[in-house]
C-alpha atoms as a PDB file:
ATOM      1  CA  MET A   1      51.101-183.456-131.469  1.00  0.00           C
ATOM      2  CA  LEU A   2      52.833-182.276-128.257  1.00  0.00           C
ATOM      3  CA  ASP A   3      56.143-180.760-128.850  1.00  0.00           C
ATOM      4  CA  LEU A   4      58.030-180.643-125.781  1.00  0.00           C
ATOM      5  CA  SER A   5      60.984-178.960-127.713  1.00  0.00           C
ATOM      6  CA  LYS A   6      59.381-175.505-127.222  1.00  0.00           C
ATOM      7  CA  PRO A   7      58.248-173.713-124.041  1.00  0.00           C
ATOM      8  CA  SER A   8      54.570-173.585-123.208  1.00  0.00           C
ATOM      9  CA  VAL A   9      53.224-170.741-121.492  1.00  0.00           C
ATOM     10  CA  ALA A  10      51.285-172.613-119.008  1.00  0.00           C
ATOM     11  CA  ARG A  11      54.072-174.649-117.931  1.00  0.00           C
ATOM     12  CA  MET A  12      56.135-171.698-117.607  1.00  0.00           C
ATOM     13  CA  TYR A  13      53.575-170.045-115.325  1.00  0.00           C
ATOM     14  CA  ASP A  14      53.786-173.328-113.683  1.00  0.00           C
ATOM     15  CA  TYR A  15      57.443-173.093-112.930  1.00  0.00           C
ATOM     16  CA  LEU A  16      56.815-169.502-111.740  1.00  0.00           C
ATOM     17  CA  LEU A  17      54.636-170.385-109.387  1.00  0.00           C
ATOM     18  CA  GLY A  18      56.619-173.128-107.885  1.00  0.00           C
ATOM     19  CA  GLY A  19      55.043-175.965-109.571  1.00  0.00           C
ATOM     20  CA  THR A  20      56.527-179.370-110.823  1.00  0.00           C
ATOM     21  CA  ASP A  21      54.484-179.816-114.100  1.00  0.00           C
ATOM     22  CA  ASN A  22      57.184-178.268-116.265  1.00  0.00           C
ATOM     23  CA  TYR A  23      60.155-179.239-118.628  1.00  0.00           C
ATOM     24  CA  GLN A  24      63.790-178.023-118.985  1.00  0.00           C
ATOM     25  CA  VAL A  25      62.765-175.970-121.777  1.00  0.00           C
ATOM     26  CA  ASP A  26      60.135-174.067-119.827  1.00  0.00           C
ATOM     27  CA  ARG A  27      62.890-173.335-117.049  1.00  0.00           C
ATOM     28  CA  GLU A  28      65.331-172.231-119.263  1.00  0.00           C
ATOM     29  CA  ALA A  29      62.879-169.662-120.942  1.00  0.00           C
ATOM     30  CA  CYS A  30      61.819-168.633-117.330  1.00  0.00           C
ATOM     31  CA  GLU A  31      65.149-167.903-116.559  1.00  0.00           C
ATOM     32  CA  GLU A  32      65.893-165.787-119.471  1.00  0.00           C
ATOM     33  CA  LEU A  33      62.701-163.736-118.928  1.00  0.00           C
ATOM     34  CA  LEU A  34      63.532-163.143-115.231  1.00  0.00           C
ATOM     35  CA  ARG A  35      66.907-161.557-116.436  1.00  0.00           C
ATOM     36  CA  LEU A  36      64.659-159.235-118.965  1.00  0.00           C
ATOM     37  CA  ALA A  37      61.811-158.747-116.196  1.00  0.00           C
ATOM     38  CA  PRO A  38      63.124-159.658-112.679  1.00  0.00           C
ATOM     39  CA  SER A  39      59.791-159.188-111.137  1.00  0.00           C
ATOM     40  CA  THR A  40      58.234-161.787-112.997  1.00  0.00           C
ATOM     41  CA  ARG A  41      58.123-164.506-110.657  1.00  0.00           C
ATOM     42  CA  GLU A  42      56.505-161.871-107.803  1.00  0.00           C
ATOM     43  CA  LEU A  43      54.081-160.961-110.613  1.00  0.00           C
ATOM     44  CA  ALA A  44      52.943-164.537-111.239  1.00  0.00           C
ATOM     45  CA  LEU A  45      52.525-164.986-107.494  1.00  0.00           C
ATOM     46  CA  VAL A  46      50.114-161.736-107.248  1.00  0.00           C
ATOM     47  CA  ASN A  47      48.066-162.535-110.276  1.00  0.00           C
ATOM     48  CA  ARG A  48      47.454-165.978-108.900  1.00  0.00           C
ATOM     49  CA  ALA A  49      46.390-164.452-105.647  1.00  0.00           C
ATOM     50  CA  PHE A  50      44.002-161.996-107.454  1.00  0.00           C
ATOM     51  CA  LEU A  51      42.492-165.109-109.311  1.00  0.00           C
ATOM     52  CA  VAL A  52      41.673-166.576-105.861  1.00  0.00           C
ATOM     53  CA  ARG A  53      40.325-163.456-104.277  1.00  0.00           C
ATOM     54  CA  ALA A  54      38.227-162.544-107.378  1.00  0.00           C
ATOM     55  CA  VAL A  55      36.549-166.039-107.350  1.00  0.00           C
ATOM     56  CA  ARG A  56      35.797-166.229-103.272  1.00  0.00           C
ATOM     57  CA  TYR A  57      34.269-162.543-103.640  1.00  0.00           C
ATOM     58  CA  LEU A  58      32.269-163.377-106.425  1.00  0.00           C
ATOM     59  CA  ALA A  59      30.934-166.722-104.869  1.00  0.00           C
ATOM     60  CA  GLU A  60      30.843-165.049-101.015  1.00  0.00           C
ATOM     61  CA  GLU A  61      29.746-161.687-101.817  1.00  0.00           C
ATOM     62  CA  CYS A  62      27.862-161.886-105.260  1.00  0.00           C
ATOM     63  CA  GLY A  63      26.015-165.463-104.770  1.00  0.00           C
ATOM     64  CA  VAL A  64      27.909-166.686-108.068  1.00  0.00           C
ATOM     65  CA  ARG A  65      27.648-170.380-108.455  1.00  0.00           C
ATOM     66  CA  ARG A  66      28.755-170.927-112.177  1.00  0.00           C
ATOM     67  CA  PHE A  67      32.293-170.108-113.485  1.00  0.00           C
ATOM     68  CA  ILE A  68      34.034-170.507-116.970  1.00  0.00           C
ATOM     69  CA  ASP A  69      37.813-170.296-116.623  1.00  0.00           C
ATOM     70  CA  HIS A  70      39.304-169.333-120.121  1.00  0.00           C
ATOM     71  CA  GLY A  71      42.899-170.260-120.739  1.00  0.00           C
ATOM     72  CA  SER A  72      42.920-171.879-117.110  1.00  0.00           C
ATOM     73  CA  GLY A  73      46.244-173.294-117.321  1.00  0.00           C
ATOM     74  CA  LEU A  74      47.882-176.068-115.400  1.00  0.00           C
ATOM     75  CA  PRO A  75      45.965-176.959-111.970  1.00  0.00           C
ATOM     76  CA  THR A  76      47.414-174.994-108.959  1.00  0.00           C
ATOM     77  CA  SER A  77      45.844-175.279-105.733  1.00  0.00           C
ATOM     78  CA  PRO A  78      43.715-173.816-104.526  1.00  0.00           C
ATOM     79  CA  ASN A  79      42.087-173.817-108.039  1.00  0.00           C
ATOM     80  CA  VAL A  80      38.871-171.927-109.074  1.00  0.00           C
ATOM     81  CA  HIS A  81      36.636-174.889-108.292  1.00  0.00           C
ATOM     82  CA  GLU A  82      38.364-175.362-104.986  1.00  0.00           C
ATOM     83  CA  VAL A  83      37.689-171.866-104.006  1.00  0.00           C
ATOM     84  CA  ALA A  84      34.394-171.642-105.066  1.00  0.00           C
ATOM     85  CA  GLN A  85      33.140-174.710-103.685  1.00  0.00           C
ATOM     86  CA  ALA A  86      34.429-173.989-100.488  1.00  0.00           C
ATOM     87  CA  VAL A  87      31.920-171.234-100.566  1.00  0.00           C
ATOM     88  CA  ASP A  88      29.059-173.847-101.893  1.00  0.00           C
ATOM     89  CA  PRO A  89      29.871-177.668-102.743  1.00  0.00           C
ATOM     90  CA  SER A  90      27.289-176.935-105.537  1.00  0.00           C
ATOM     91  CA  CYS A  91      29.270-174.275-107.616  1.00  0.00           C
ATOM     92  CA  LYS A  92      30.308-175.605-110.972  1.00  0.00           C
ATOM     93  CA  VAL A  93      33.198-174.896-113.041  1.00  0.00           C
ATOM     94  CA  VAL A  94      33.979-175.242-116.839  1.00  0.00           C
ATOM     95  CA  TYR A  95      37.767-175.124-117.407  1.00  0.00           C
ATOM     96  CA  ILE A  96      39.030-174.404-120.928  1.00  0.00           C
ATOM     97  CA  ASP A  97      42.605-174.684-122.509  1.00  0.00           C
ATOM     98  CA  ASN A  98      44.283-175.641-125.640  1.00  0.00           C
ATOM     99  CA  ASP A  99      47.287-177.178-124.208  1.00  0.00           C
ATOM    100  CA  PRO A 100      47.090-180.960-124.165  1.00  0.00           C
ATOM    101  CA  VAL A 101      49.163-181.222-120.908  1.00  0.00           C
ATOM    102  CA  VAL A 102      46.983-178.806-119.318  1.00  0.00           C
ATOM    103  CA  ALA A 103      43.892-180.624-120.236  1.00  0.00           C
ATOM    104  CA  ALA A 104      45.276-184.151-119.288  1.00  0.00           C
ATOM    105  CA  HIS A 105      46.562-182.769-115.848  1.00  0.00           C
ATOM    106  CA  GLY A 106      43.247-181.156-115.396  1.00  0.00           C
ATOM    107  CA  ARG A 107      41.094-184.476-116.148  1.00  0.00           C
ATOM    108  CA  MET A 108      43.222-186.270-113.823  1.00  0.00           C
ATOM    109  CA  GLY A 109      42.617-183.821-110.938  1.00  0.00           C
ATOM    110  CA  LEU A 110      38.907-183.346-111.796  1.00  0.00           C
ATOM    111  CA  ALA A 111      38.162-187.324-111.895  1.00  0.00           C
ATOM    112  CA  GLU A 112      36.743-187.131-108.437  1.00  0.00           C
ATOM    113  CA  ASP A 113      33.757-184.999-109.097  1.00  0.00           C
ATOM    114  CA  PRO A 114      32.731-184.632-112.775  1.00  0.00           C
ATOM    115  CA  SER A 115      29.306-183.560-112.127  1.00  0.00           C
ATOM    116  CA  THR A 116      30.520-180.098-111.072  1.00  0.00           C
ATOM    117  CA  THR A 117      33.813-179.744-112.817  1.00  0.00           C
ATOM    118  CA  ALA A 118      34.985-180.166-116.432  1.00  0.00           C
ATOM    119  CA  VAL A 119      37.917-179.469-118.617  1.00  0.00           C
ATOM    120  CA  LEU A 120      37.530-178.767-122.401  1.00  0.00           C
ATOM    121  CA  GLU A 121      40.465-178.947-124.722  1.00  0.00           C
ATOM    122  CA  MET A 122      39.338-175.939-126.947  1.00  0.00           C
ATOM    123  CA  ASP A 123      40.906-172.721-128.029  1.00  0.00           C
ATOM    124  CA  MET A 124      39.460-169.888-125.893  1.00  0.00           C
ATOM    125  CA  ARG A 125      38.933-167.556-128.908  1.00  0.00           C
ATOM    126  CA  GLU A 126      36.166-170.450-130.068  1.00  0.00           C
ATOM    127  CA  THR A 127      33.463-168.565-128.347  1.00  0.00           C
ATOM    128  CA  ASP A 128      30.530-170.136-130.565  1.00  0.00           C
ATOM    129  CA  LYS A 129      31.951-173.732-130.217  1.00  0.00           C
ATOM    130  CA  ILE A 130      32.402-173.326-126.544  1.00  0.00           C
ATOM    131  CA  PHE A 131      29.152-172.176-126.051  1.00  0.00           C
ATOM    132  CA  GLU A 132      27.777-175.354-127.953  1.00  0.00           C
ATOM    133  CA  THR A 133      29.397-177.669-126.012  1.00  0.00           C
ATOM    134  CA  PRO A 134      27.192-179.867-123.590  1.00  0.00           C
ATOM    135  CA  GLN A 135      29.231-178.644-120.459  1.00  0.00           C
ATOM    136  CA  VAL A 136      28.805-174.965-120.919  1.00  0.00           C
ATOM    137  CA  LYS A 137      25.184-175.402-122.115  1.00  0.00           C
ATOM    138  CA  GLN A 138      24.443-177.340-118.728  1.00  0.00           C
ATOM    139  CA  LEU A 139      26.102-174.626-117.050  1.00  0.00           C
ATOM    140  CA  LEU A 140      23.789-172.123-118.698  1.00  0.00           C
ATOM    141  CA  ARG A 141      20.703-173.948-118.619  1.00  0.00           C
ATOM    142  CA  GLU A 142      18.921-172.371-115.401  1.00  0.00           C
ATOM    143  CA  GLY A 143      19.856-169.118-116.372  1.00  0.00           C
ATOM    144  CA  GLN A 144      21.818-168.179-113.221  1.00  0.00           C
ATOM    145  CA  PRO A 145      24.558-165.777-113.240  1.00  0.00           C
ATOM    146  CA  VAL A 146      27.938-166.887-114.692  1.00  0.00           C
ATOM    147  CA  ALA A 147      31.644-165.444-113.913  1.00  0.00           C
ATOM    148  CA  ALA A 148      33.759-165.728-117.091  1.00  0.00           C
ATOM    149  CA  LEU A 149      37.370-165.567-116.159  1.00  0.00           C
ATOM    150  CA  PHE A 150      40.199-164.373-118.580  1.00  0.00           C
ATOM    151  CA  VAL A 151      42.998-164.183-115.759  1.00  0.00           C
ATOM    152  CA  SER A 152      46.779-163.281-117.386  1.00  0.00           C
ATOM    153  CA  VAL A 153      45.523-164.998-120.661  1.00  0.00           C
ATOM    154  CA  LEU A 154      44.736-162.147-122.960  1.00  0.00           C
ATOM    155  CA  HIS A 155      48.279-160.989-123.565  1.00  0.00           C
ATOM    156  CA  CYS A 156      48.498-164.486-125.310  1.00  0.00           C
ATOM    157  CA  ILE A 157      46.137-163.349-128.161  1.00  0.00           C
ATOM    158  CA  PRO A 158      47.395-160.799-130.861  1.00  0.00           C
ATOM    159  CA  ASP A 159      45.612-158.147-132.200  1.00  0.00           C
ATOM    160  CA  THR A 160      44.594-159.573-135.288  1.00  0.00           C
ATOM    161  CA  ASP A 161      42.630-161.854-133.282  1.00  0.00           C
ATOM    162  CA  ASP A 162      40.793-159.078-131.488  1.00  0.00           C
ATOM    163  CA  PRO A 163      40.873-159.916-127.831  1.00  0.00           C
ATOM    164  CA  TRP A 164      38.644-157.015-127.299  1.00  0.00           C
ATOM    165  CA  GLY A 165      35.814-158.631-129.416  1.00  0.00           C
ATOM    166  CA  LEU A 166      36.420-161.866-127.603  1.00  0.00           C
ATOM    167  CA  ILE A 167      35.210-160.256-124.220  1.00  0.00           C
ATOM    168  CA  ARG A 168      32.267-158.705-125.869  1.00  0.00           C
ATOM    169  CA  ARG A 169      31.294-162.295-127.681  1.00  0.00           C
ATOM    170  CA  VAL A 170      31.429-163.712-124.436  1.00  0.00           C
ATOM    171  CA  ALA A 171      29.700-161.078-122.202  1.00  0.00           C
ATOM    172  CA  ASN A 172      26.851-161.260-124.595  1.00  0.00           C
ATOM    173  CA  ARG A 173      26.443-165.068-124.424  1.00  0.00           C
ATOM    174  CA  LEU A 174      25.997-164.991-120.504  1.00  0.00           C
ATOM    175  CA  PRO A 175      22.725-164.402-118.724  1.00  0.00           C
ATOM    176  CA  ALA A 176      21.924-161.183-117.237  1.00  0.00           C
ATOM    177  CA  GLY A 177      23.850-160.088-114.169  1.00  0.00           C
ATOM    178  CA  SER A 178      27.080-162.062-114.897  1.00  0.00           C
ATOM    179  CA  TYR A 179      30.524-161.003-114.340  1.00  0.00           C
ATOM    180  CA  MET A 180      33.926-160.907-115.900  1.00  0.00           C
ATOM    181  CA  VAL A 181      37.176-161.109-114.511  1.00  0.00           C
ATOM    182  CA  VAL A 182      40.285-159.899-116.557  1.00  0.00           C
ATOM    183  CA  SER A 183      43.948-159.480-115.940  1.00  0.00           C
ATOM    184  CA  GLN A 184      46.654-158.990-118.362  1.00  0.00           C
ATOM    185  CA  LEU A 185      50.288-158.091-118.663  1.00  0.00           C
ATOM    186  CA  ALA A 186      50.856-154.255-119.028  1.00  0.00           C
ATOM    187  CA  SER A 187      53.624-151.662-118.707  1.00  0.00           C
ATOM    188  CA  ASP A 188      53.794-147.941-119.526  1.00  0.00           C
ATOM    189  CA  ASP A 189      57.313-148.630-121.055  1.00  0.00           C
ATOM    190  CA  PRO A 190      56.993-148.960-124.892  1.00  0.00           C
ATOM    191  CA  ALA A 191      60.700-150.458-125.130  1.00  0.00           C
ATOM    192  CA  LEU A 192      60.034-153.113-122.043  1.00  0.00           C
ATOM    193  CA  ARG A 193      56.637-154.019-123.914  1.00  0.00           C
ATOM    194  CA  ALA A 194      58.236-154.578-127.315  1.00  0.00           C
ATOM    195  CA  GLU A 195      61.338-156.335-125.679  1.00  0.00           C
ATOM    196  CA  ILE A 196      59.314-158.990-123.741  1.00  0.00           C
ATOM    197  CA  THR A 197      56.535-159.367-126.376  1.00  0.00           C
ATOM    198  CA  GLY A 198      59.567-160.193-128.775  1.00  0.00           C
ATOM    199  CA  PHE A 199      61.314-162.626-126.407  1.00  0.00           C
ATOM    200  CA  MET A 200      57.773-164.511-126.056  1.00  0.00           C
ATOM    201  CA  HIS A 201      56.972-164.514-129.599  1.00  0.00           C
ATOM    202  CA  ALA A 202      60.452-166.419-130.207  1.00  0.00           C
ATOM    203  CA  VAL A 203      60.549-168.788-127.394  1.00  0.00           C
ATOM    204  CA  THR A 204      56.886-169.931-127.990  1.00  0.00           C
ATOM    205  CA  ASP A 205      56.909-170.191-131.781  1.00  0.00           C
ATOM    206  CA  GLY A 206      54.388-167.262-132.247  1.00  0.00           C
ATOM    207  CA  ASN A 207      52.190-168.643-129.551  1.00  0.00           C
ATOM    208  CA  TRP A 208      51.774-165.143-128.078  1.00  0.00           C
ATOM    209  CA  GLY A 209      49.910-161.835-128.151  1.00  0.00           C
ATOM    210  CA  ARG A 210      51.347-158.710-126.700  1.00  0.00           C
ATOM    211  CA  VAL A 211      52.228-156.953-123.582  1.00  0.00           C
ATOM    212  CA  ARG A 212      49.873-154.095-123.627  1.00  0.00           C
ATOM    213  CA  SER A 213      49.755-150.484-122.116  1.00  0.00           C
ATOM    214  CA  PRO A 214      47.351-150.071-119.192  1.00  0.00           C
ATOM    215  CA  SER A 215      45.139-147.850-121.376  1.00  0.00           C
ATOM    216  CA  GLU A 216      44.690-150.986-123.824  1.00  0.00           C
ATOM    217  CA  VAL A 217      43.819-153.335-121.030  1.00  0.00           C
ATOM    218  CA  THR A 218      41.221-150.670-119.883  1.00  0.00           C
ATOM    219  CA  ARG A 219      39.407-151.189-123.176  1.00  0.00           C
ATOM    220  CA  PHE A 220      38.444-154.640-122.149  1.00  0.00           C
ATOM    221  CA  PHE A 221      36.286-153.077-119.509  1.00  0.00           C
ATOM    222  CA  GLU A 222      34.179-150.658-121.811  1.00  0.00           C
ATOM    223  CA  GLY A 223      30.478-151.105-120.952  1.00  0.00           C
ATOM    224  CA  LEU A 224      31.158-153.098-117.921  1.00  0.00           C
ATOM    225  CA  GLU A 225      30.782-151.981-114.307  1.00  0.00           C
ATOM    226  CA  LEU A 226      33.988-152.445-112.333  1.00  0.00           C
ATOM    227  CA  LEU A 227      33.467-153.531-108.651  1.00  0.00           C
ATOM    228  CA  GLU A 228      35.474-152.662-105.818  1.00  0.00           C
ATOM    229  CA  ALA A 229      37.355-150.156-107.938  1.00  0.00           C
ATOM    230  CA  GLU A 230      37.781-146.230-107.658  1.00  0.00           C
ATOM    231  CA  GLU A 231      36.763-144.014-110.448  1.00  0.00           C
ATOM    232  CA  GLN A 232      35.660-147.292-112.468  1.00  0.00           C
ATOM    233  CA  LYS A 233      39.198-147.911-113.521  1.00  0.00           C
ATOM    234  CA  PRO A 234      41.199-151.277-113.635  1.00  0.00           C
ATOM    235  CA  MET A 235      44.253-151.348-111.284  1.00  0.00           C
ATOM    236  CA  GLU A 236      47.500-153.433-110.390  1.00  0.00           C
ATOM    237  CA  VAL A 237      45.764-156.637-109.183  1.00  0.00           C
ATOM    238  CA  SER A 238      47.467-156.760-105.992  1.00  0.00           C
ATOM    239  CA  LEU A 239      45.440-153.690-104.941  1.00  0.00           C
ATOM    240  CA  TRP A 240      42.060-155.174-105.593  1.00  0.00           C
ATOM    241  CA  HIS A 241      39.981-156.094-102.792  1.00  0.00           C
ATOM    242  CA  PRO A 242      43.059-157.227-100.663  1.00  0.00           C
ATOM    243  CA  ASP A 243      42.284-159.771 -98.157  1.00  0.00           C
ATOM    244  CA  SER A 244      45.019-158.897 -95.756  1.00  0.00           C
ATOM    245  CA  ASP A 245      48.323-156.835 -95.462  1.00  0.00           C
ATOM    246  CA  LEU A 246      50.197-159.879 -95.614  1.00  0.00           C
ATOM    247  CA  GLY A 247      49.075-161.036 -99.212  1.00  0.00           C
ATOM    248  CA  PRO A 248      51.294-160.787-101.979  1.00  0.00           C
ATOM    249  CA  ARG A 249      51.951-157.211-103.194  1.00  0.00           C
ATOM    250  CA  GLN A 250      53.224-156.125-106.611  1.00  0.00           C
ATOM    251  CA  ARG A 251      56.651-154.097-105.527  1.00  0.00           C
ATOM    252  CA  SER A 252      58.150-153.635-108.781  1.00  0.00           C
ATOM    253  CA  LYS A 253      56.334-151.459-111.445  1.00  0.00           C
ATOM    254  CA  GLU A 254      58.720-152.794-114.601  1.00  0.00           C
ATOM    255  CA  TRP A 255      55.536-154.773-115.393  1.00  0.00           C
ATOM    256  CA  ILE A 256      52.062-155.407-113.909  1.00  0.00           C
ATOM    257  CA  GLU A 257      48.950-157.356-114.111  1.00  0.00           C
ATOM    258  CA  TYR A 258      46.539-154.873-114.527  1.00  0.00           C
ATOM    259  CA  GLY A 259      42.760-155.668-114.453  1.00  0.00           C
ATOM    260  CA  GLY A 260      39.593-156.100-112.216  1.00  0.00           C
ATOM    261  CA  VAL A 261      36.274-157.696-111.783  1.00  0.00           C
ATOM    262  CA  ALA A 262      33.142-156.210-113.424  1.00  0.00           C
ATOM    263  CA  LEU A 263      29.296-156.718-113.611  1.00  0.00           C
ATOM    264  CA  ILE A 264      27.970-157.236-117.034  1.00  0.00           C
ATOM    265  CA  LYS A 265      24.691-155.363-116.739  1.00  0.00           C
ATOM    266  CA  THR A 266      23.518-154.844-120.589  1.00  0.00           C
ATOM    267  CA  ALA A 267      24.573-156.485-124.008  1.00  0.00           C
ATOM    268  CA  LEU A 268      27.937-155.035-125.143  1.00  0.00           C
ATOM    269  CA  LYS A 269      28.340-153.359-128.487  1.00  0.00           C
ATOM    270  CA  ARG A 270      30.506-154.976-131.151  1.00  0.00           C
ATOM    271  CA  THR A 271      33.979-153.637-131.705  1.00  0.00           C
ATOM    272  CA  ASN A 272      35.321-153.226-135.104  1.00  0.00           C
END
């Protein structure tokens, strides 16, 4: 049952991006978060721009025509299918989110073209169930490369649910030559990580994971070949393949979105 008395991470993100699909409880939580970390709105805009650049790059430069967007959030234009289909209208996208508001809005927005887009109301951690759905099976049927997106969502998964193992499970279910796009909230400051993590745990009633250190985010890319990256390292995402000097840039470094785009060349080893 939908509980509108508590903030939703998806609706908070929508508010930070200037959207209207949010409630007073989400706006109040965001204003408190902005007091703790004033660069949060800037960070959300930078991350959204990264998502758009990554999808366009994969479609234009790598020929990707299949996308699975894990933890997709509320539709924000341009969304993944809009960016990809601007390159090639045949691109197919499956959105996955366990928030019923996200799923409802997504289905309304995609009703015009169900043949190339789908929304699954599922938890992104349920890899086996996701890959058994007709929508994802159809996506994989021709064995073409697929881009799996985990953009600003892995900080919602606690360590006990092994988000690093999630990346490996998904990578090992994809066809050869597929891609992984990952970004997550990160900070070098242990006190800031603890403060924001505690705040988000409290306001979301535990539906949160952890702000992680950059080195912890780097672990998501073990065994993958990072693209457009110096020394095979992830980066603050406004620096990844910038399309102009006028795009959003991360100015404050109190916390960042850290990540990159990577090629899956071989099956990945399991993590403990």
